[in-house]
Amino acid sequence: VLLREGNLVYDGKPSGLTKDTKVNLRIRLQERPTIEEIGAVSFDEEEGYLIHIERAEMTKKLQQVMGVYRMVDMRIEEQTLEGVIQRLYEKK
């Protein structure tokens, strides 16, 4: 159970909080497009491009990127329970 200012925010299993949220998709490409060209929020030499995306849209995004660029590596970073709870309490 999560409460914020006396109001019920969430009542369920902890896994339910992280199940249908956005994920961080990290991809490394052979080419070097701009972050705008692939819809990324940032780029790092070692980590590659970071894309915040809804889990349901991930396959479509990967197909779009791989249709244009050669992918070297891909990693999906799940949201942490702590991060989801922190965002819930930060929302007003």
PDB file of N, CA and C in Angstrom:
ATOM      1  N   VAL A   1       0.849  -1.180   0.000  1.00  0.00           N
ATOM      2  CA  VAL A   1       0.000   0.000   0.000  1.00  0.00           C
ATOM      3  C   VAL A   1       0.888   1.235   0.000  1.00  0.00           C
ATOM      4  N   LEU A   2       0.609   2.160  -0.927  1.00  0.00           N
ATOM      5  CA  LEU A   2       1.320   3.438  -0.959  1.00  0.00           C
ATOM      6  C   LEU A   2       0.314   4.562  -0.759  1.00  0.00           C
ATOM      7  N   LEU A   3       0.635   5.448   0.178  1.00  0.00           N
ATOM      8  CA  LEU A   3      -0.208   6.602   0.450  1.00  0.00           C
ATOM      9  C   LEU A   3       0.595   7.876   0.205  1.00  0.00           C
ATOM     10  N   ARG A   4      -0.083   8.902  -0.301  1.00  0.00           N
ATOM     11  CA  ARG A   4       0.552  10.211  -0.452  1.00  0.00           C
ATOM     12  C   ARG A   4      -0.433  11.244   0.048  1.00  0.00           C
ATOM     13  N   GLU A   5      -0.028  11.979   1.058  1.00  0.00           N
ATOM     14  CA  GLU A   5      -0.868  13.006   1.665  1.00  0.00           C
ATOM     15  C   GLU A   5      -2.231  12.449   2.062  1.00  0.00           C
ATOM     16  N   GLY A   6      -2.233  11.225   2.603  1.00  0.00           N
ATOM     17  CA  GLY A   6      -3.452  10.600   3.077  1.00  0.00           C
ATOM     18  C   GLY A   6      -4.302   9.936   2.004  1.00  0.00           C
ATOM     19  N   ASN A   7      -3.883  10.041   0.745  1.00  0.00           N
ATOM     20  CA  ASN A   7      -4.639   9.439  -0.356  1.00  0.00           C
ATOM     21  C   ASN A   7      -3.960   8.168  -0.833  1.00  0.00           C
ATOM     22  N   LEU A   8      -4.769   7.175  -1.164  1.00  0.00           N
ATOM     23  CA  LEU A   8      -4.252   5.919  -1.672  1.00  0.00           C
ATOM     24  C   LEU A   8      -3.672   6.129  -3.064  1.00  0.00           C
ATOM     25  N   VAL A   9      -2.409   5.768  -3.238  1.00  0.00           N
ATOM     26  CA  VAL A   9      -1.741   5.895  -4.526  1.00  0.00           C
ATOM     27  C   VAL A   9      -1.671   4.540  -5.211  1.00  0.00           C
ATOM     28  N   TYR A  10      -1.411   3.496  -4.430  1.00  0.00           N
ATOM     29  CA  TYR A  10      -1.280   2.155  -5.005  1.00  0.00           C
ATOM     30  C   TYR A  10      -1.580   1.118  -3.940  1.00  0.00           C
ATOM     31  N   ASP A  11      -2.321   0.082  -4.322  1.00  0.00           N
ATOM     32  CA  ASP A  11      -2.611  -1.030  -3.432  1.00  0.00           C
ATOM     33  C   ASP A  11      -2.477  -2.316  -4.250  1.00  0.00           C
ATOM     34  N   GLY A  12      -1.361  -2.984  -4.104  1.00  0.00           N
ATOM     35  CA  GLY A  12      -1.123  -4.202  -4.866  1.00  0.00           C
ATOM     36  C   GLY A  12       0.273  -4.730  -4.625  1.00  0.00           C
ATOM     37  N   LYS A  13       0.634  -5.717  -5.416  1.00  0.00           N
ATOM     38  CA  LYS A  13       1.960  -6.316  -5.290  1.00  0.00           C
ATOM     39  C   LYS A  13       3.023  -5.360  -5.816  1.00  0.00           C
ATOM     40  N   PRO A  14       4.214  -5.369  -5.224  1.00  0.00           N
ATOM     41  CA  PRO A  14       5.291  -4.495  -5.700  1.00  0.00           C
ATOM     42  C   PRO A  14       5.620  -4.692  -7.183  1.00  0.00           C
ATOM     43  N   SER A  15       5.523  -5.922  -7.661  1.00  0.00           N
ATOM     44  CA  SER A  15       5.838  -6.179  -9.073  1.00  0.00           C
ATOM     45  C   SER A  15       4.866  -5.463 -10.013  1.00  0.00           C
ATOM     46  N   GLY A  16       3.679  -5.162  -9.540  1.00  0.00           N
ATOM     47  CA  GLY A  16       2.705  -4.450 -10.356  1.00  0.00           C
ATOM     48  C   GLY A  16       3.093  -3.016 -10.655  1.00  0.00           C
ATOM     49  N   LEU A  17       3.926  -2.433  -9.808  1.00  0.00           N
ATOM     50  CA  LEU A  17       4.371  -1.057 -10.027  1.00  0.00           C
ATOM     51  C   LEU A  17       5.345  -0.944 -11.195  1.00  0.00           C
ATOM     52  N   THR A  18       6.158  -1.953 -11.398  1.00  0.00           N
ATOM     53  CA  THR A  18       7.193  -1.873 -12.437  1.00  0.00           C
ATOM     54  C   THR A  18       6.798  -2.600 -13.709  1.00  0.00           C
ATOM     55  N   LYS A  19       5.712  -3.327 -13.694  1.00  0.00           N
ATOM     56  CA  LYS A  19       5.338  -4.198 -14.804  1.00  0.00           C
ATOM     57  C   LYS A  19       5.036  -3.443 -16.094  1.00  0.00           C
ATOM     58  N   ASP A  20       4.217  -2.422 -16.070  1.00  0.00           N
ATOM     59  CA  ASP A  20       3.772  -1.754 -17.289  1.00  0.00           C
ATOM     60  C   ASP A  20       4.308  -0.335 -17.411  1.00  0.00           C
ATOM     61  N   THR A  21       5.524  -0.126 -16.994  1.00  0.00           N
ATOM     62  CA  THR A  21       6.092   1.216 -17.058  1.00  0.00           C
ATOM     63  C   THR A  21       7.051   1.333 -18.232  1.00  0.00           C
ATOM     64  N   LYS A  22       7.615   2.491 -18.349  1.00  0.00           N
ATOM     65  CA  LYS A  22       8.611   2.707 -19.387  1.00  0.00           C
ATOM     66  C   LYS A  22       9.890   1.962 -19.042  1.00  0.00           C
ATOM     67  N   VAL A  23      10.648   1.656 -20.070  1.00  0.00           N
ATOM     68  CA  VAL A  23      11.957   1.044 -19.878  1.00  0.00           C
ATOM     69  C   VAL A  23      12.995   1.949 -20.530  1.00  0.00           C
ATOM     70  N   ASN A  24      14.232   1.759 -20.144  1.00  0.00           N
ATOM     71  CA  ASN A  24      15.337   2.438 -20.793  1.00  0.00           C
ATOM     72  C   ASN A  24      15.955   1.467 -21.771  1.00  0.00           C
ATOM     73  N   LEU A  25      16.010   1.871 -23.008  1.00  0.00           N
ATOM     74  CA  LEU A  25      16.601   1.057 -24.058  1.00  0.00           C
ATOM     75  C   LEU A  25      17.949   1.673 -24.407  1.00  0.00           C
ATOM     76  N   ARG A  26      19.008   0.904 -24.241  1.00  0.00           N
ATOM     77  CA  ARG A  26      20.360   1.363 -24.593  1.00  0.00           C
ATOM     78  C   ARG A  26      20.782   0.643 -25.856  1.00  0.00           C
ATOM     79  N   ILE A  27      21.155   1.405 -26.869  1.00  0.00           N
ATOM     80  CA  ILE A  27      21.617   0.779 -28.102  1.00  0.00           C
ATOM     81  C   ILE A  27      22.925   1.415 -28.556  1.00  0.00           C
ATOM     82  N   ARG A  28      23.786   0.580 -29.108  1.00  0.00           N
ATOM     83  CA  ARG A  28      25.029   1.059 -29.722  1.00  0.00           C
ATOM     84  C   ARG A  28      24.954   0.732 -31.201  1.00  0.00           C
ATOM     85  N   LEU A  29      25.279   1.705 -32.026  1.00  0.00           N
ATOM     86  CA  LEU A  29      25.188   1.560 -33.473  1.00  0.00           C
ATOM     87  C   LEU A  29      26.555   1.757 -34.101  1.00  0.00           C
ATOM     88  N   GLN A  30      26.753   1.186 -35.280  1.00  0.00           N
ATOM     89  CA  GLN A  30      28.001   1.417 -36.019  1.00  0.00           C
ATOM     90  C   GLN A  30      28.044   2.853 -36.520  1.00  0.00           C
ATOM     91  N   GLU A  31      26.903   3.363 -36.964  1.00  0.00           N
ATOM     92  CA  GLU A  31      26.832   4.735 -37.426  1.00  0.00           C
ATOM     93  C   GLU A  31      26.668   5.679 -36.237  1.00  0.00           C
ATOM     94  N   ARG A  32      26.689   6.964 -36.504  1.00  0.00           N
ATOM     95  CA  ARG A  32      26.567   7.955 -35.438  1.00  0.00           C
ATOM     96  C   ARG A  32      25.489   8.985 -35.765  1.00  0.00           C
ATOM     97  N   PRO A  33      24.194   8.563 -35.806  1.00  0.00           N
ATOM     98  CA  PRO A  33      23.133   9.542 -36.063  1.00  0.00           C
ATOM     99  C   PRO A  33      22.976  10.480 -34.867  1.00  0.00           C
ATOM    100  N   THR A  34      22.283  11.585 -35.075  1.00  0.00           N
ATOM    101  CA  THR A  34      22.015  12.479 -33.952  1.00  0.00           C
ATOM    102  C   THR A  34      20.969  11.832 -33.041  1.00  0.00           C
ATOM    103  N   ILE A  35      20.898  12.304 -31.813  1.00  0.00           N
ATOM    104  CA  ILE A  35      19.922  11.724 -30.886  1.00  0.00           C
ATOM    105  C   ILE A  35      18.499  11.982 -31.369  1.00  0.00           C
ATOM    106  N   GLU A  36      18.286  13.093 -32.070  1.00  0.00           N
ATOM    107  CA  GLU A  36      16.954  13.393 -32.598  1.00  0.00           C
ATOM    108  C   GLU A  36      16.552  12.399 -33.688  1.00  0.00           C
ATOM    109  N   GLU A  37      17.506  11.963 -34.492  1.00  0.00           N
ATOM    110  CA  GLU A  37      17.201  11.045 -35.593  1.00  0.00           C
ATOM    111  C   GLU A  37      16.655   9.703 -35.106  1.00  0.00           C
ATOM    112  N   ILE A  38      17.071   9.272 -33.931  1.00  0.00           N
ATOM    113  CA  ILE A  38      16.569   7.984 -33.441  1.00  0.00           C
ATOM    114  C   ILE A  38      15.650   8.125 -32.227  1.00  0.00           C
ATOM    115  N   GLY A  39      15.385   9.357 -31.814  1.00  0.00           N
ATOM    116  CA  GLY A  39      14.469   9.575 -30.693  1.00  0.00           C
ATOM    117  C   GLY A  39      15.068   9.279 -29.337  1.00  0.00           C
ATOM    118  N   ALA A  40      16.372   9.453 -29.221  1.00  0.00           N
ATOM    119  CA  ALA A  40      17.050   9.195 -27.947  1.00  0.00           C
ATOM    120  C   ALA A  40      17.048  10.453 -27.080  1.00  0.00           C
ATOM    121  N   VAL A  41      17.295  10.265 -25.802  1.00  0.00           N
ATOM    122  CA  VAL A  41      17.388  11.410 -24.896  1.00  0.00           C
ATOM    123  C   VAL A  41      18.835  11.787 -24.624  1.00  0.00           C
ATOM    124  N   SER A  42      19.758  10.842 -24.861  1.00  0.00           N
ATOM    125  CA  SER A  42      21.170  11.154 -24.644  1.00  0.00           C
ATOM    126  C   SER A  42      22.057  10.160 -25.388  1.00  0.00           C
ATOM    127  N   PHE A  43      23.342  10.515 -25.456  1.00  0.00           N
ATOM    128  CA  PHE A  43      24.339   9.649 -26.077  1.00  0.00           C
ATOM    129  C   PHE A  43      25.586   9.667 -25.224  1.00  0.00           C
ATOM    130  N   ASP A  44      26.194   8.497 -25.070  1.00  0.00           N
ATOM    131  CA  ASP A  44      27.437   8.346 -24.334  1.00  0.00           C
ATOM    132  C   ASP A  44      28.350   7.449 -25.165  1.00  0.00           C
ATOM    133  N   GLU A  45      29.629   7.790 -25.272  1.00  0.00           N
ATOM    134  CA  GLU A  45      30.568   7.018 -26.088  1.00  0.00           C
ATOM    135  C   GLU A  45      30.581   5.534 -25.731  1.00  0.00           C
ATOM    136  N   GLU A  46      30.599   5.224 -24.458  1.00  0.00           N
ATOM    137  CA  GLU A  46      30.685   3.835 -24.019  1.00  0.00           C
ATOM    138  C   GLU A  46      29.329   3.148 -23.964  1.00  0.00           C
ATOM    139  N   GLU A  47      28.309   3.861 -23.506  1.00  0.00           N
ATOM    140  CA  GLU A  47      26.984   3.266 -23.293  1.00  0.00           C
ATOM    141  C   GLU A  47      26.095   3.317 -24.526  1.00  0.00           C
ATOM    142  N   GLY A  48      26.348   4.224 -25.440  1.00  0.00           N
ATOM    143  CA  GLY A  48      25.520   4.365 -26.625  1.00  0.00           C
ATOM    144  C   GLY A  48      24.352   5.302 -26.404  1.00  0.00           C
ATOM    145  N   TYR A  49      23.279   5.077 -27.146  1.00  0.00           N
ATOM    146  CA  TYR A  49      22.095   5.928 -27.097  1.00  0.00           C
ATOM    147  C   TYR A  49      21.140   5.437 -26.018  1.00  0.00           C
ATOM    148  N   LEU A  50      20.520   6.380 -25.328  1.00  0.00           N
ATOM    149  CA  LEU A  50      19.529   6.062 -24.308  1.00  0.00           C
ATOM    150  C   LEU A  50      18.168   6.521 -24.808  1.00  0.00           C
ATOM    151  N   ILE A  51      17.218   5.591 -24.852  1.00  0.00           N
ATOM    152  CA  ILE A  51      15.865   5.892 -25.289  1.00  0.00           C
ATOM    153  C   ILE A  51      14.905   5.495 -24.172  1.00  0.00           C
ATOM    154  N   HIS A  52      14.108   6.455 -23.685  1.00  0.00           N
ATOM    155  CA  HIS A  52      13.039   6.150 -22.729  1.00  0.00           C
ATOM    156  C   HIS A  52      11.824   5.780 -23.558  1.00  0.00           C
ATOM    157  N   ILE A  53      11.261   4.607 -23.321  1.00  0.00           N
ATOM    158  CA  ILE A  53      10.186   4.137 -24.188  1.00  0.00           C
ATOM    159  C   ILE A  53       9.210   3.249 -23.426  1.00  0.00           C
ATOM    160  N   GLU A  54       7.966   3.302 -23.850  1.00  0.00           N
ATOM    161  CA  GLU A  54       6.970   2.392 -23.279  1.00  0.00           C
ATOM    162  C   GLU A  54       7.324   0.976 -23.709  1.00  0.00           C
ATOM    163  N   ARG A  55       7.157   0.046 -22.815  1.00  0.00           N
ATOM    164  CA  ARG A  55       7.488  -1.349 -23.096  1.00  0.00           C
ATOM    165  C   ARG A  55       6.775  -1.851 -24.362  1.00  0.00           C
ATOM    166  N   ALA A  56       5.522  -1.450 -24.553  1.00  0.00           N
ATOM    167  CA  ALA A  56       4.736  -1.906 -25.701  1.00  0.00           C
ATOM    168  C   ALA A  56       5.259  -1.356 -27.032  1.00  0.00           C
ATOM    169  N   GLU A  57       6.002  -0.255 -27.011  1.00  0.00           N
ATOM    170  CA  GLU A  57       6.522   0.371 -28.226  1.00  0.00           C
ATOM    171  C   GLU A  57       7.949  -0.054 -28.562  1.00  0.00           C
ATOM    172  N   MET A  58       8.561  -0.839 -27.702  1.00  0.00           N
ATOM    173  CA  MET A  58       9.980  -1.176 -27.848  1.00  0.00           C
ATOM    174  C   MET A  58      10.272  -1.952 -29.132  1.00  0.00           C
ATOM    175  N   THR A  59       9.485  -2.948 -29.459  1.00  0.00           N
ATOM    176  CA  THR A  59       9.731  -3.754 -30.657  1.00  0.00           C
ATOM    177  C   THR A  59       9.641  -2.900 -31.914  1.00  0.00           C
ATOM    178  N   LYS A  60       8.634  -2.055 -31.977  1.00  0.00           N
ATOM    179  CA  LYS A  60       8.465  -1.173 -33.138  1.00  0.00           C
ATOM    180  C   LYS A  60       9.668  -0.238 -33.285  1.00  0.00           C
ATOM    181  N   LYS A  61      10.129   0.325 -32.190  1.00  0.00           N
ATOM    182  CA  LYS A  61      11.278   1.236 -32.219  1.00  0.00           C
ATOM    183  C   LYS A  61      12.533   0.504 -32.686  1.00  0.00           C
ATOM    184  N   LEU A  62      12.759  -0.697 -32.171  1.00  0.00           N
ATOM    185  CA  LEU A  62      13.937  -1.469 -32.581  1.00  0.00           C
ATOM    186  C   LEU A  62      13.886  -1.801 -34.074  1.00  0.00           C
ATOM    187  N   GLN A  63      12.716  -2.146 -34.577  1.00  0.00           N
ATOM    188  CA  GLN A  63      12.579  -2.431 -36.002  1.00  0.00           C
ATOM    189  C   GLN A  63      12.887  -1.198 -36.837  1.00  0.00           C
ATOM    190  N   GLN A  64      12.422  -0.037 -36.383  1.00  0.00           N
ATOM    191  CA  GLN A  64      12.695   1.208 -37.108  1.00  0.00           C
ATOM    192  C   GLN A  64      14.194   1.504 -37.148  1.00  0.00           C
ATOM    193  N   VAL A  65      14.833   1.394 -36.007  1.00  0.00           N
ATOM    194  CA  VAL A  65      16.270   1.702 -35.922  1.00  0.00           C
ATOM    195  C   VAL A  65      17.080   0.703 -36.744  1.00  0.00           C
ATOM    196  N   MET A  66      16.767  -0.593 -36.621  1.00  0.00           N
ATOM    197  CA  MET A  66      17.524  -1.615 -37.345  1.00  0.00           C
ATOM    198  C   MET A  66      17.245  -1.581 -38.846  1.00  0.00           C
ATOM    199  N   GLY A  67      16.153  -0.972 -39.255  1.00  0.00           N
ATOM    200  CA  GLY A  67      15.871  -0.825 -40.665  1.00  0.00           C
ATOM    201  C   GLY A  67      16.758   0.209 -41.338  1.00  0.00           C
ATOM    202  N   VAL A  68      17.367   1.075 -40.533  1.00  0.00           N
ATOM    203  CA  VAL A  68      18.191   2.153 -41.079  1.00  0.00           C
ATOM    204  C   VAL A  68      19.659   2.022 -40.666  1.00  0.00           C
ATOM    205  N   TYR A  69      19.905   1.568 -39.445  1.00  0.00           N
ATOM    206  CA  TYR A  69      21.267   1.534 -38.894  1.00  0.00           C
ATOM    207  C   TYR A  69      21.679   0.110 -38.539  1.00  0.00           C
ATOM    208  N   ARG A  70      22.988  -0.094 -38.449  1.00  0.00           N
ATOM    209  CA  ARG A  70      23.522  -1.396 -38.027  1.00  0.00           C
ATOM    210  C   ARG A  70      23.757  -1.362 -36.521  1.00  0.00           C
ATOM    211  N   MET A  71      23.044  -2.234 -35.824  1.00  0.00           N
ATOM    212  CA  MET A  71      23.122  -2.278 -34.375  1.00  0.00           C
ATOM    213  C   MET A  71      24.284  -3.158 -33.928  1.00  0.00           C
ATOM    214  N   VAL A  72      25.057  -2.650 -32.985  1.00  0.00           N
ATOM    215  CA  VAL A  72      26.186  -3.382 -32.424  1.00  0.00           C
ATOM    216  C   VAL A  72      25.779  -4.076 -31.129  1.00  0.00           C
ATOM    217  N   ASP A  73      24.966  -3.390 -30.321  1.00  0.00           N
ATOM    218  CA  ASP A  73      24.596  -3.916 -29.015  1.00  0.00           C
ATOM    219  C   ASP A  73      23.283  -3.279 -28.578  1.00  0.00           C
ATOM    220  N   MET A  74      22.532  -4.008 -27.755  1.00  0.00           N
ATOM    221  CA  MET A  74      21.276  -3.506 -27.237  1.00  0.00           C
ATOM    222  C   MET A  74      21.106  -4.014 -25.804  1.00  0.00           C
ATOM    223  N   ARG A  75      20.572  -3.155 -24.947  1.00  0.00           N
ATOM    224  CA  ARG A  75      20.331  -3.546 -23.559  1.00  0.00           C
ATOM    225  C   ARG A  75      19.039  -2.883 -23.081  1.00  0.00           C
ATOM    226  N   ILE A  76      18.237  -3.656 -22.383  1.00  0.00           N
ATOM    227  CA  ILE A  76      16.992  -3.134 -21.809  1.00  0.00           C
ATOM    228  C   ILE A  76      17.208  -2.971 -20.313  1.00  0.00           C
ATOM    229  N   GLU A  77      16.983  -1.757 -19.821  1.00  0.00           N
ATOM    230  CA  GLU A  77      17.133  -1.474 -18.399  1.00  0.00           C
ATOM    231  C   GLU A  77      15.745  -1.278 -17.813  1.00  0.00           C
ATOM    232  N   GLU A  78      15.351  -2.197 -16.968  1.00  0.00           N
ATOM    233  CA  GLU A  78      14.036  -2.132 -16.326  1.00  0.00           C
ATOM    234  C   GLU A  78      14.027  -1.009 -15.288  1.00  0.00           C
ATOM    235  N   GLN A  79      12.855  -0.460 -15.057  1.00  0.00           N
ATOM    236  CA  GLN A  79      12.692   0.528 -14.006  1.00  0.00           C
ATOM    237  C   GLN A  79      12.847  -0.167 -12.651  1.00  0.00           C
ATOM    238  N   THR A  80      13.507   0.472 -11.732  1.00  0.00           N
ATOM    239  CA  THR A  80      13.627  -0.094 -10.396  1.00  0.00           C
ATOM    240  C   THR A  80      12.386   0.269  -9.584  1.00  0.00           C
ATOM    241  N   LEU A  81      12.058  -0.563  -8.631  1.00  0.00           N
ATOM    242  CA  LEU A  81      10.920  -0.293  -7.757  1.00  0.00           C
ATOM    243  C   LEU A  81      11.120   1.036  -7.031  1.00  0.00           C
ATOM    244  N   GLU A  82      12.339   1.286  -6.585  1.00  0.00           N
ATOM    245  CA  GLU A  82      12.634   2.532  -5.872  1.00  0.00           C
ATOM    246  C   GLU A  82      12.397   3.741  -6.763  1.00  0.00           C
ATOM    247  N   GLY A  83      12.811   3.631  -8.028  1.00  0.00           N
ATOM    248  CA  GLY A  83      12.621   4.732  -8.960  1.00  0.00           C
ATOM    249  C   GLY A  83      11.161   5.018  -9.246  1.00  0.00           C
ATOM    250  N   VAL A  84      10.363   3.961  -9.391  1.00  0.00           N
ATOM    251  CA  VAL A  84       8.933   4.135  -9.650  1.00  0.00           C
ATOM    252  C   VAL A  84       8.261   4.783  -8.442  1.00  0.00           C
ATOM    253  N   ILE A  85       8.588   4.320  -7.247  1.00  0.00           N
ATOM    254  CA  ILE A  85       7.994   4.896  -6.032  1.00  0.00           C
ATOM    255  C   ILE A  85       8.400   6.357  -5.886  1.00  0.00           C
ATOM    256  N   GLN A  86       9.650   6.665  -6.165  1.00  0.00           N
ATOM    257  CA  GLN A  86      10.117   8.048  -6.067  1.00  0.00           C
ATOM    258  C   GLN A  86       9.328   8.946  -7.022  1.00  0.00           C
ATOM    259  N   ARG A  87       9.114   8.496  -8.252  1.00  0.00           N
ATOM    260  CA  ARG A  87       8.355   9.297  -9.217  1.00  0.00           C
ATOM    261  C   ARG A  87       6.897   9.467  -8.781  1.00  0.00           C
ATOM    262  N   LEU A  88       6.324   8.436  -8.180  1.00  0.00           N
ATOM    263  CA  LEU A  88       4.944   8.551  -7.689  1.00  0.00           C
ATOM    264  C   LEU A  88       4.825   9.633  -6.630  1.00  0.00           C
ATOM    265  N   TYR A  89       5.803   9.699  -5.745  1.00  0.00           N
ATOM    266  CA  TYR A  89       5.753  10.693  -4.680  1.00  0.00           C
ATOM    267  C   TYR A  89       6.134  12.088  -5.163  1.00  0.00           C
ATOM    268  N   GLU A  90       6.864  12.194  -6.261  1.00  0.00           N
ATOM    269  CA  GLU A  90       7.243  13.491  -6.806  1.00  0.00           C
ATOM    270  C   GLU A  90       6.093  14.132  -7.578  1.00  0.00           C
ATOM    271  N   LYS A  91       5.187  13.315  -8.133  1.00  0.00           N
ATOM    272  CA  LYS A  91       4.051  13.854  -8.894  1.00  0.00           C
ATOM    273  C   LYS A  91       3.111  14.590  -7.964  1.00  0.00           C
ATOM    274  N   LYS A  92       2.572  15.667  -8.449  1.00  0.00           N
ATOM    275  CA  LYS A  92       1.592  16.435  -7.652  1.00  0.00           C
ATOM    276  C   LYS A  92       0.276  16.452  -8.358  1.00  0.00           C
TER     277      LYS A  92
END
